[in-house]
Amino acid sequence: MNDYRFTLILSGVSEITPQLADALYAATGGGIELNMRDGVAFLEFDRASPSLHDAATSAISQVEGAGVGVRVVRVESQAANIIAKINADLLGVTTGT
C-alpha cells in the first residue's frame, strides 16, 4: 500500500456546516480536510491504497454516498499533475509551467 494525497472538488455545497463536515468525516472514515475557497468546496485526502485510482474512486463513492447531496466534479493530485507534465514534455507540448 502507498499513501496518496489528492483533492476532490465538490458541487452541491453552498456553505460548510458542522453537520456536513461530520457526515463527510463519518462517510470517509476520516483523514479529510473540508475547505471552501472562492465559493468552491473541496476535500483534501490522505489515503493508503494500492493505487491513486483506487484511493480516489473509493473516496468519490464514499463522499457521494454520504447522503448530503454532495457530488464530486473533479479530482486533483500533484502526482497526476507531474505525470501530465512529463507526458506533455514527451509530446513536445508547452504546458506553461
PDB file of N, CA and C in Angstrom:
ATOM      1  N   MET A   1       0.849  -1.190   0.000  1.00  0.00           N
ATOM      2  CA  MET A   1       0.000   0.000   0.000  1.00  0.00           C
ATOM      3  C   MET A   1       0.888   1.245   0.000  1.00  0.00           C
ATOM      4  N   ASN A   2       0.437   2.231  -0.733  1.00  0.00           N
ATOM      5  CA  ASN A   2       1.105   3.529  -0.770  1.00  0.00           C
ATOM      6  C   ASN A   2       0.161   4.578  -0.213  1.00  0.00           C
ATOM      7  N   ASP A   3       0.730   5.686   0.230  1.00  0.00           N
ATOM      8  CA  ASP A   3      -0.078   6.809   0.695  1.00  0.00           C
ATOM      9  C   ASP A   3      -0.249   7.793  -0.451  1.00  0.00           C
ATOM     10  N   TYR A   4      -1.478   8.244  -0.652  1.00  0.00           N
ATOM     11  CA  TYR A   4      -1.788   9.188  -1.719  1.00  0.00           C
ATOM     12  C   TYR A   4      -2.469  10.406  -1.131  1.00  0.00           C
ATOM     13  N   ARG A   5      -2.100  11.556  -1.662  1.00  0.00           N
ATOM     14  CA  ARG A   5      -2.719  12.827  -1.274  1.00  0.00           C
ATOM     15  C   ARG A   5      -3.395  13.376  -2.522  1.00  0.00           C
ATOM     16  N   PHE A   6      -4.679  13.703  -2.392  1.00  0.00           N
ATOM     17  CA  PHE A   6      -5.420  14.229  -3.529  1.00  0.00           C
ATOM     18  C   PHE A   6      -6.571  15.078  -3.016  1.00  0.00           C
ATOM     19  N   THR A   7      -7.178  15.808  -3.939  1.00  0.00           N
ATOM     20  CA  THR A   7      -8.266  16.723  -3.603  1.00  0.00           C
ATOM     21  C   THR A   7      -9.468  16.412  -4.474  1.00  0.00           C
ATOM     22  N   LEU A   8     -10.644  16.365  -3.842  1.00  0.00           N
ATOM     23  CA  LEU A   8     -11.898  16.225  -4.567  1.00  0.00           C
ATOM     24  C   LEU A   8     -12.595  17.569  -4.578  1.00  0.00           C
ATOM     25  N   ILE A   9     -12.917  18.068  -5.767  1.00  0.00           N
ATOM     26  CA  ILE A   9     -13.660  19.312  -5.927  1.00  0.00           C
ATOM     27  C   ILE A   9     -15.142  18.949  -5.925  1.00  0.00           C
ATOM     28  N   LEU A  10     -15.926  19.666  -5.119  1.00  0.00           N
ATOM     29  CA  LEU A  10     -17.318  19.293  -4.871  1.00  0.00           C
ATOM     30  C   LEU A  10     -18.311  20.282  -5.455  1.00  0.00           C
ATOM     31  N   SER A  11     -19.489  19.778  -5.774  1.00  0.00           N
ATOM     32  CA  SER A  11     -20.627  20.644  -6.076  1.00  0.00           C
ATOM     33  C   SER A  11     -21.737  20.264  -5.107  1.00  0.00           C
ATOM     34  N   GLY A  12     -22.721  21.141  -4.983  1.00  0.00           N
ATOM     35  CA  GLY A  12     -23.822  20.901  -4.061  1.00  0.00           C
ATOM     36  C   GLY A  12     -23.556  21.400  -2.660  1.00  0.00           C
ATOM     37  N   VAL A  13     -22.510  22.217  -2.506  1.00  0.00           N
ATOM     38  CA  VAL A  13     -22.162  22.772  -1.195  1.00  0.00           C
ATOM     39  C   VAL A  13     -22.199  24.289  -1.287  1.00  0.00           C
ATOM     40  N   SER A  14     -23.115  24.903  -0.559  1.00  0.00           N
ATOM     41  CA  SER A  14     -23.177  26.369  -0.548  1.00  0.00           C
ATOM     42  C   SER A  14     -22.442  26.951   0.648  1.00  0.00           C
ATOM     43  N   GLU A  15     -22.342  26.161   1.720  1.00  0.00           N
ATOM     44  CA  GLU A  15     -21.567  26.564   2.892  1.00  0.00           C
ATOM     45  C   GLU A  15     -21.148  25.314   3.652  1.00  0.00           C
ATOM     46  N   ILE A  16     -20.075  25.443   4.391  1.00  0.00           N
ATOM     47  CA  ILE A  16     -19.606  24.327   5.208  1.00  0.00           C
ATOM     48  C   ILE A  16     -20.263  24.446   6.576  1.00  0.00           C
ATOM     49  N   THR A  17     -21.036  23.435   6.919  1.00  0.00           N
ATOM     50  CA  THR A  17     -21.705  23.397   8.216  1.00  0.00           C
ATOM     51  C   THR A  17     -21.111  22.256   9.040  1.00  0.00           C
ATOM     52  N   PRO A  18     -21.275  22.321  10.347  1.00  0.00           N
ATOM     53  CA  PRO A  18     -20.800  21.199  11.175  1.00  0.00           C
ATOM     54  C   PRO A  18     -21.458  19.873  10.780  1.00  0.00           C
ATOM     55  N   GLN A  19     -22.749  19.921  10.400  1.00  0.00           N
ATOM     56  CA  GLN A  19     -23.443  18.704  10.006  1.00  0.00           C
ATOM     57  C   GLN A  19     -22.842  18.103   8.734  1.00  0.00           C
ATOM     58  N   LEU A  20     -22.528  18.959   7.760  1.00  0.00           N
ATOM     59  CA  LEU A  20     -21.907  18.492   6.528  1.00  0.00           C
ATOM     60  C   LEU A  20     -20.534  17.898   6.818  1.00  0.00           C
ATOM     61  N   ALA A  21     -19.737  18.621   7.578  1.00  0.00           N
ATOM     62  CA  ALA A  21     -18.394  18.144   7.906  1.00  0.00           C
ATOM     63  C   ALA A  21     -18.449  16.809   8.641  1.00  0.00           C
ATOM     64  N   ASP A  22     -19.350  16.686   9.600  1.00  0.00           N
ATOM     65  CA  ASP A  22     -19.483  15.438  10.355  1.00  0.00           C
ATOM     66  C   ASP A  22     -19.915  14.285   9.454  1.00  0.00           C
ATOM     67  N   ALA A  23     -20.873  14.539   8.555  1.00  0.00           N
ATOM     68  CA  ALA A  23     -21.367  13.492   7.658  1.00  0.00           C
ATOM     69  C   ALA A  23     -20.265  13.014   6.716  1.00  0.00           C
ATOM     70  N   LEU A  24     -19.487  13.934   6.161  1.00  0.00           N
ATOM     71  CA  LEU A  24     -18.408  13.547   5.251  1.00  0.00           C
ATOM     72  C   LEU A  24     -17.278  12.847   5.993  1.00  0.00           C
ATOM     73  N   TYR A  25     -16.983  13.309   7.201  1.00  0.00           N
ATOM     74  CA  TYR A  25     -15.952  12.660   8.012  1.00  0.00           C
ATOM     75  C   TYR A  25     -16.361  11.218   8.305  1.00  0.00           C
ATOM     76  N   ALA A  26     -17.613  11.025   8.707  1.00  0.00           N
ATOM     77  CA  ALA A  26     -18.103   9.678   9.025  1.00  0.00           C
ATOM     78  C   ALA A  26     -18.118   8.795   7.782  1.00  0.00           C
ATOM     79  N   ALA A  27     -18.559   9.329   6.657  1.00  0.00           N
ATOM     80  CA  ALA A  27     -18.673   8.544   5.421  1.00  0.00           C
ATOM     81  C   ALA A  27     -17.313   8.099   4.897  1.00  0.00           C
ATOM     82  N   THR A  28     -16.282   8.932   5.110  1.00  0.00           N
ATOM     83  CA  THR A  28     -14.959   8.626   4.564  1.00  0.00           C
ATOM     84  C   THR A  28     -14.036   7.938   5.560  1.00  0.00           C
ATOM     85  N   GLY A  29     -14.466   7.840   6.796  1.00  0.00           N
ATOM     86  CA  GLY A  29     -13.605   7.232   7.810  1.00  0.00           C
ATOM     87  C   GLY A  29     -12.507   8.160   8.284  1.00  0.00           C
ATOM     88  N   GLY A  30     -12.666   9.444   8.038  1.00  0.00           N
ATOM     89  CA  GLY A  30     -11.671  10.424   8.497  1.00  0.00           C
ATOM     90  C   GLY A  30     -10.560  10.619   7.485  1.00  0.00           C
ATOM     91  N   GLY A  31      -9.508  11.281   7.913  1.00  0.00           N
ATOM     92  CA  GLY A  31      -8.382  11.546   7.024  1.00  0.00           C
ATOM     93  C   GLY A  31      -8.679  12.585   5.959  1.00  0.00           C
ATOM     94  N   ILE A  32      -9.631  13.485   6.242  1.00  0.00           N
ATOM     95  CA  ILE A  32     -10.018  14.506   5.266  1.00  0.00           C
ATOM     96  C   ILE A  32      -9.902  15.890   5.882  1.00  0.00           C
ATOM     97  N   GLU A  33      -9.841  16.868   5.001  1.00  0.00           N
ATOM     98  CA  GLU A  33      -9.937  18.268   5.414  1.00  0.00           C
ATOM     99  C   GLU A  33     -10.900  18.939   4.444  1.00  0.00           C
ATOM    100  N   LEU A  34     -12.014  19.447   4.960  1.00  0.00           N
ATOM    101  CA  LEU A  34     -13.042  20.101   4.156  1.00  0.00           C
ATOM    102  C   LEU A  34     -12.804  21.600   4.176  1.00  0.00           C
ATOM    103  N   ASN A  35     -12.733  22.202   2.996  1.00  0.00           N
ATOM    104  CA  ASN A  35     -12.471  23.632   2.869  1.00  0.00           C
ATOM    105  C   ASN A  35     -13.345  24.231   1.780  1.00  0.00           C
ATOM    106  N   MET A  36     -13.373  25.556   1.754  1.00  0.00           N
ATOM    107  CA  MET A  36     -14.067  26.276   0.684  1.00  0.00           C
ATOM    108  C   MET A  36     -13.209  27.480   0.317  1.00  0.00           C
ATOM    109  N   ARG A  37     -13.036  27.668  -1.003  1.00  0.00           N
ATOM    110  CA  ARG A  37     -12.274  28.816  -1.496  1.00  0.00           C
ATOM    111  C   ARG A  37     -13.020  29.398  -2.687  1.00  0.00           C
ATOM    112  N   ASP A  38     -13.286  30.693  -2.636  1.00  0.00           N
ATOM    113  CA  ASP A  38     -13.989  31.384  -3.723  1.00  0.00           C
ATOM    114  C   ASP A  38     -15.297  30.691  -4.080  1.00  0.00           C
ATOM    115  N   GLY A  39     -16.019  30.218  -3.070  1.00  0.00           N
ATOM    116  CA  GLY A  39     -17.308  29.592  -3.277  1.00  0.00           C
ATOM    117  C   GLY A  39     -17.270  28.152  -3.761  1.00  0.00           C
ATOM    118  N   VAL A  40     -16.061  27.565  -3.831  1.00  0.00           N
ATOM    119  CA  VAL A  40     -15.914  26.184  -4.285  1.00  0.00           C
ATOM    120  C   VAL A  40     -15.447  25.326  -3.111  1.00  0.00           C
ATOM    121  N   ALA A  41     -16.236  24.296  -2.801  1.00  0.00           N
ATOM    122  CA  ALA A  41     -15.888  23.390  -1.705  1.00  0.00           C
ATOM    123  C   ALA A  41     -14.964  22.291  -2.221  1.00  0.00           C
ATOM    124  N   PHE A  42     -14.047  21.870  -1.360  1.00  0.00           N
ATOM    125  CA  PHE A  42     -13.159  20.778  -1.728  1.00  0.00           C
ATOM    126  C   PHE A  42     -12.743  20.000  -0.485  1.00  0.00           C
ATOM    127  N   LEU A  43     -12.451  18.733  -0.710  1.00  0.00           N
ATOM    128  CA  LEU A  43     -11.986  17.829   0.337  1.00  0.00           C
ATOM    129  C   LEU A  43     -10.570  17.394   0.012  1.00  0.00           C
ATOM    130  N   GLU A  44      -9.684  17.549   0.973  1.00  0.00           N
ATOM    131  CA  GLU A  44      -8.315  17.065   0.816  1.00  0.00           C
ATOM    132  C   GLU A  44      -8.202  15.733   1.547  1.00  0.00           C
ATOM    133  N   PHE A  45      -7.621  14.762   0.868  1.00  0.00           N
ATOM    134  CA  PHE A  45      -7.495  13.408   1.403  1.00  0.00           C
ATOM    135  C   PHE A  45      -6.045  13.006   1.544  1.00  0.00           C
ATOM    136  N   ASP A  46      -5.773  12.214   2.563  1.00  0.00           N
ATOM    137  CA  ASP A  46      -4.561  11.408   2.693  1.00  0.00           C
ATOM    138  C   ASP A  46      -5.074   9.989   2.857  1.00  0.00           C
ATOM    139  N   ARG A  47      -4.727   9.107   1.903  1.00  0.00           N
ATOM    140  CA  ARG A  47      -5.329   7.776   1.923  1.00  0.00           C
ATOM    141  C   ARG A  47      -4.318   6.732   1.479  1.00  0.00           C
ATOM    142  N   ALA A  48      -4.258   5.629   2.225  1.00  0.00           N
ATOM    143  CA  ALA A  48      -3.435   4.482   1.843  1.00  0.00           C
ATOM    144  C   ALA A  48      -4.257   3.587   0.931  1.00  0.00           C
ATOM    145  N   SER A  49      -3.643   3.186  -0.185  1.00  0.00           N
ATOM    146  CA  SER A  49      -4.346   2.366  -1.160  1.00  0.00           C
ATOM    147  C   SER A  49      -3.311   1.752  -2.104  1.00  0.00           C
ATOM    148  N   PRO A  50      -3.699   0.688  -2.816  1.00  0.00           N
ATOM    149  CA  PRO A  50      -2.770   0.111  -3.790  1.00  0.00           C
ATOM    150  C   PRO A  50      -2.431   1.062  -4.942  1.00  0.00           C
ATOM    151  N   SER A  51      -3.369   1.980  -5.282  1.00  0.00           N
ATOM    152  CA  SER A  51      -3.112   2.913  -6.384  1.00  0.00           C
ATOM    153  C   SER A  51      -3.870   4.219  -6.143  1.00  0.00           C
ATOM    154  N   LEU A  52      -3.455   5.271  -6.827  1.00  0.00           N
ATOM    155  CA  LEU A  52      -4.159   6.544  -6.750  1.00  0.00           C
ATOM    156  C   LEU A  52      -5.579   6.378  -7.284  1.00  0.00           C
ATOM    157  N   HIS A  53      -5.741   5.611  -8.338  1.00  0.00           N
ATOM    158  CA  HIS A  53      -7.069   5.360  -8.902  1.00  0.00           C
ATOM    159  C   HIS A  53      -7.997   4.743  -7.856  1.00  0.00           C
ATOM    160  N   ASP A  54      -7.527   3.704  -7.175  1.00  0.00           N
ATOM    161  CA  ASP A  54      -8.338   3.056  -6.143  1.00  0.00           C
ATOM    162  C   ASP A  54      -8.655   4.015  -5.005  1.00  0.00           C
ATOM    163  N   ALA A  55      -7.672   4.802  -4.594  1.00  0.00           N
ATOM    164  CA  ALA A  55      -7.876   5.754  -3.498  1.00  0.00           C
ATOM    165  C   ALA A  55      -8.935   6.784  -3.870  1.00  0.00           C
ATOM    166  N   ALA A  56      -8.826   7.343  -5.062  1.00  0.00           N
ATOM    167  CA  ALA A  56      -9.749   8.401  -5.485  1.00  0.00           C
ATOM    168  C   ALA A  56     -11.155   7.854  -5.728  1.00  0.00           C
ATOM    169  N   THR A  57     -11.260   6.719  -6.411  1.00  0.00           N
ATOM    170  CA  THR A  57     -12.602   6.205  -6.708  1.00  0.00           C
ATOM    171  C   THR A  57     -13.334   5.754  -5.450  1.00  0.00           C
ATOM    172  N   SER A  58     -12.623   5.194  -4.482  1.00  0.00           N
ATOM    173  CA  SER A  58     -13.297   4.815  -3.234  1.00  0.00           C
ATOM    174  C   SER A  58     -13.732   6.062  -2.466  1.00  0.00           C
ATOM    175  N   ALA A  59     -12.904   7.097  -2.486  1.00  0.00           N
ATOM    176  CA  ALA A  59     -13.266   8.349  -1.811  1.00  0.00           C
ATOM    177  C   ALA A  59     -14.488   8.987  -2.472  1.00  0.00           C
ATOM    178  N   ILE A  60     -14.535   8.973  -3.797  1.00  0.00           N
ATOM    179  CA  ILE A  60     -15.685   9.537  -4.518  1.00  0.00           C
ATOM    180  C   ILE A  60     -16.962   8.792  -4.128  1.00  0.00           C
ATOM    181  N   SER A  61     -16.905   7.481  -4.112  1.00  0.00           N
ATOM    182  CA  SER A  61     -18.082   6.687  -3.732  1.00  0.00           C
ATOM    183  C   SER A  61     -18.542   7.012  -2.318  1.00  0.00           C
ATOM    184  N   GLN A  62     -17.602   7.156  -1.408  1.00  0.00           N
ATOM    185  CA  GLN A  62     -17.955   7.466  -0.027  1.00  0.00           C
ATOM    186  C   GLN A  62     -18.570   8.853   0.089  1.00  0.00           C
ATOM    187  N   VAL A  63     -17.988   9.836  -0.560  1.00  0.00           N
ATOM    188  CA  VAL A  63     -18.480  11.216  -0.481  1.00  0.00           C
ATOM    189  C   VAL A  63     -19.875  11.307  -1.098  1.00  0.00           C
ATOM    190  N   GLU A  64     -20.040  10.750  -2.293  1.00  0.00           N
ATOM    191  CA  GLU A  64     -21.339  10.842  -2.964  1.00  0.00           C
ATOM    192  C   GLU A  64     -22.390   9.970  -2.287  1.00  0.00           C
ATOM    193  N   GLY A  65     -21.959   8.960  -1.540  1.00  0.00           N
ATOM    194  CA  GLY A  65     -22.884   8.098  -0.816  1.00  0.00           C
ATOM    195  C   GLY A  65     -23.207   8.574   0.591  1.00  0.00           C
ATOM    196  N   ALA A  66     -22.696   9.735   0.966  1.00  0.00           N
ATOM    197  CA  ALA A  66     -22.895  10.236   2.333  1.00  0.00           C
ATOM    198  C   ALA A  66     -24.312  10.721   2.589  1.00  0.00           C
ATOM    199  N   GLY A  67     -25.094  10.882   1.542  1.00  0.00           N
ATOM    200  CA  GLY A  67     -26.484  11.288   1.709  1.00  0.00           C
ATOM    201  C   GLY A  67     -26.682  12.754   2.049  1.00  0.00           C
ATOM    202  N   VAL A  68     -25.722  13.595   1.637  1.00  0.00           N
ATOM    203  CA  VAL A  68     -25.829  15.030   1.942  1.00  0.00           C
ATOM    204  C   VAL A  68     -25.925  15.884   0.680  1.00  0.00           C
ATOM    205  N   GLY A  69     -26.151  15.251  -0.467  1.00  0.00           N
ATOM    206  CA  GLY A  69     -26.342  15.993  -1.714  1.00  0.00           C
ATOM    207  C   GLY A  69     -25.073  16.529  -2.331  1.00  0.00           C
ATOM    208  N   VAL A  70     -23.929  15.969  -1.969  1.00  0.00           N
ATOM    209  CA  VAL A  70     -22.646  16.420  -2.500  1.00  0.00           C
ATOM    210  C   VAL A  70     -22.266  15.540  -3.682  1.00  0.00           C
ATOM    211  N   ARG A  71     -21.728  16.183  -4.722  1.00  0.00           N
ATOM    212  CA  ARG A  71     -21.255  15.475  -5.907  1.00  0.00           C
ATOM    213  C   ARG A  71     -19.810  15.873  -6.173  1.00  0.00           C
ATOM    214  N   VAL A  72     -18.995  14.920  -6.562  1.00  0.00           N
ATOM    215  CA  VAL A  72     -17.601  15.189  -6.917  1.00  0.00           C
ATOM    216  C   VAL A  72     -17.551  15.530  -8.398  1.00  0.00           C
ATOM    217  N   VAL A  73     -16.947  16.685  -8.728  1.00  0.00           N
ATOM    218  CA  VAL A  73     -16.877  17.113 -10.125  1.00  0.00           C
ATOM    219  C   VAL A  73     -15.469  17.042 -10.709  1.00  0.00           C
ATOM    220  N   ARG A  74     -14.457  16.896  -9.825  1.00  0.00           N
ATOM    221  CA  ARG A  74     -13.087  16.828 -10.333  1.00  0.00           C
ATOM    222  C   ARG A  74     -12.174  16.266  -9.244  1.00  0.00           C
ATOM    223  N   VAL A  75     -11.110  15.610  -9.686  1.00  0.00           N
ATOM    224  CA  VAL A  75     -10.072  15.112  -8.792  1.00  0.00           C
ATOM    225  C   VAL A  75      -8.776  15.811  -9.170  1.00  0.00           C
ATOM    226  N   GLU A  76      -8.069  16.295  -8.163  1.00  0.00           N
ATOM    227  CA  GLU A  76      -6.765  16.918  -8.405  1.00  0.00           C
ATOM    228  C   GLU A  76      -5.716  16.202  -7.566  1.00  0.00           C
ATOM    229  N   SER A  77      -4.526  16.063  -8.138  1.00  0.00           N
ATOM    230  CA  SER A  77      -3.430  15.396  -7.446  1.00  0.00           C
ATOM    231  C   SER A  77      -2.111  15.914  -7.983  1.00  0.00           C
ATOM    232  N   GLN A  78      -1.204  16.200  -7.099  1.00  0.00           N
ATOM    233  CA  GLN A  78       0.120  16.650  -7.528  1.00  0.00           C
ATOM    234  C   GLN A  78       0.790  15.568  -8.370  1.00  0.00           C
ATOM    235  N   ALA A  79       0.616  14.300  -7.980  1.00  0.00           N
ATOM    236  CA  ALA A  79       1.212  13.196  -8.742  1.00  0.00           C
ATOM    237  C   ALA A  79       0.672  13.177 -10.170  1.00  0.00           C
ATOM    238  N   ALA A  80      -0.626  13.354 -10.324  1.00  0.00           N
ATOM    239  CA  ALA A  80      -1.222  13.371 -11.662  1.00  0.00           C
ATOM    240  C   ALA A  80      -0.725  14.569 -12.462  1.00  0.00           C
ATOM    241  N   ASN A  81      -0.564  15.710 -11.806  1.00  0.00           N
ATOM    242  CA  ASN A  81      -0.060  16.900 -12.484  1.00  0.00           C
ATOM    243  C   ASN A  81       1.359  16.681 -13.005  1.00  0.00           C
ATOM    244  N   ILE A  82       2.177  16.011 -12.214  1.00  0.00           N
ATOM    245  CA  ILE A  82       3.556  15.732 -12.623  1.00  0.00           C
ATOM    246  C   ILE A  82       3.567  14.797 -13.831  1.00  0.00           C
ATOM    247  N   ILE A  83       2.736  13.768 -13.796  1.00  0.00           N
ATOM    248  CA  ILE A  83       2.667  12.822 -14.914  1.00  0.00           C
ATOM    249  C   ILE A  83       2.169  13.525 -16.178  1.00  0.00           C
ATOM    250  N   ALA A  84       1.162  14.378 -16.043  1.00  0.00           N
ATOM    251  CA  ALA A  84       0.657  15.119 -17.200  1.00  0.00           C
ATOM    252  C   ALA A  84       1.755  15.998 -17.793  1.00  0.00           C
ATOM    253  N   LYS A  85       2.564  16.625 -16.954  1.00  0.00           N
ATOM    254  CA  LYS A  85       3.662  17.468 -17.431  1.00  0.00           C
ATOM    255  C   LYS A  85       4.706  16.631 -18.170  1.00  0.00           C
ATOM    256  N   ILE A  86       5.059  15.484 -17.615  1.00  0.00           N
ATOM    257  CA  ILE A  86       6.029  14.602 -18.278  1.00  0.00           C
ATOM    258  C   ILE A  86       5.500  14.158 -19.641  1.00  0.00           C
ATOM    259  N   ASN A  87       4.231  13.762 -19.691  1.00  0.00           N
ATOM    260  CA  ASN A  87       3.635  13.349 -20.970  1.00  0.00           C
ATOM    261  C   ASN A  87       3.626  14.492 -21.974  1.00  0.00           C
ATOM    262  N   ALA A  88       3.312  15.697 -21.516  1.00  0.00           N
ATOM    263  CA  ALA A  88       3.321  16.850 -22.402  1.00  0.00           C
ATOM    264  C   ALA A  88       4.725  17.104 -22.919  1.00  0.00           C
ATOM    265  N   ASP A  89       5.728  16.973 -22.041  1.00  0.00           N
ATOM    266  CA  ASP A  89       7.110  17.158 -22.454  1.00  0.00           C
ATOM    267  C   ASP A  89       7.511  16.119 -23.510  1.00  0.00           C
ATOM    268  N   LEU A  90       7.065  14.886 -23.319  1.00  0.00           N
ATOM    269  CA  LEU A  90       7.372  13.830 -24.281  1.00  0.00           C
ATOM    270  C   LEU A  90       6.769  14.128 -25.654  1.00  0.00           C
ATOM    271  N   LEU A  91       5.608  14.770 -25.644  1.00  0.00           N
ATOM    272  CA  LEU A  91       4.924  15.104 -26.895  1.00  0.00           C
ATOM    273  C   LEU A  91       5.364  16.448 -27.456  1.00  0.00           C
ATOM    274  N   GLY A  92       6.193  17.184 -26.691  1.00  0.00           N
ATOM    275  CA  GLY A  92       6.643  18.480 -27.142  1.00  0.00           C
ATOM    276  C   GLY A  92       5.590  19.553 -26.996  1.00  0.00           C
ATOM    277  N   VAL A  93       4.644  19.372 -26.085  1.00  0.00           N
ATOM    278  CA  VAL A  93       3.567  20.326 -25.851  1.00  0.00           C
ATOM    279  C   VAL A  93       4.000  21.276 -24.738  1.00  0.00           C
ATOM    280  N   THR A  94       3.780  22.578 -24.947  1.00  0.00           N
ATOM    281  CA  THR A  94       4.096  23.575 -23.929  1.00  0.00           C
ATOM    282  C   THR A  94       2.958  23.623 -22.929  1.00  0.00           C
ATOM    283  N   THR A  95       3.295  23.474 -21.610  1.00  0.00           N
ATOM    284  CA  THR A  95       2.268  23.462 -20.574  1.00  0.00           C
ATOM    285  C   THR A  95       2.208  24.762 -19.801  1.00  0.00           C
ATOM    286  N   GLY A  96       3.131  25.641 -20.019  1.00  0.00           N
ATOM    287  CA  GLY A  96       3.099  26.935 -19.312  1.00  0.00           C
ATOM    288  C   GLY A  96       3.659  26.873 -17.928  1.00  0.00           C
ATOM    289  N   THR A  97       4.315  25.766 -17.532  1.00  0.00           N
ATOM    290  CA  THR A  97       4.937  25.684 -16.202  1.00  0.00           C
ATOM    291  C   THR A  97       6.427  25.598 -16.306  1.00  0.00           C
TER     292      THR A  97
END
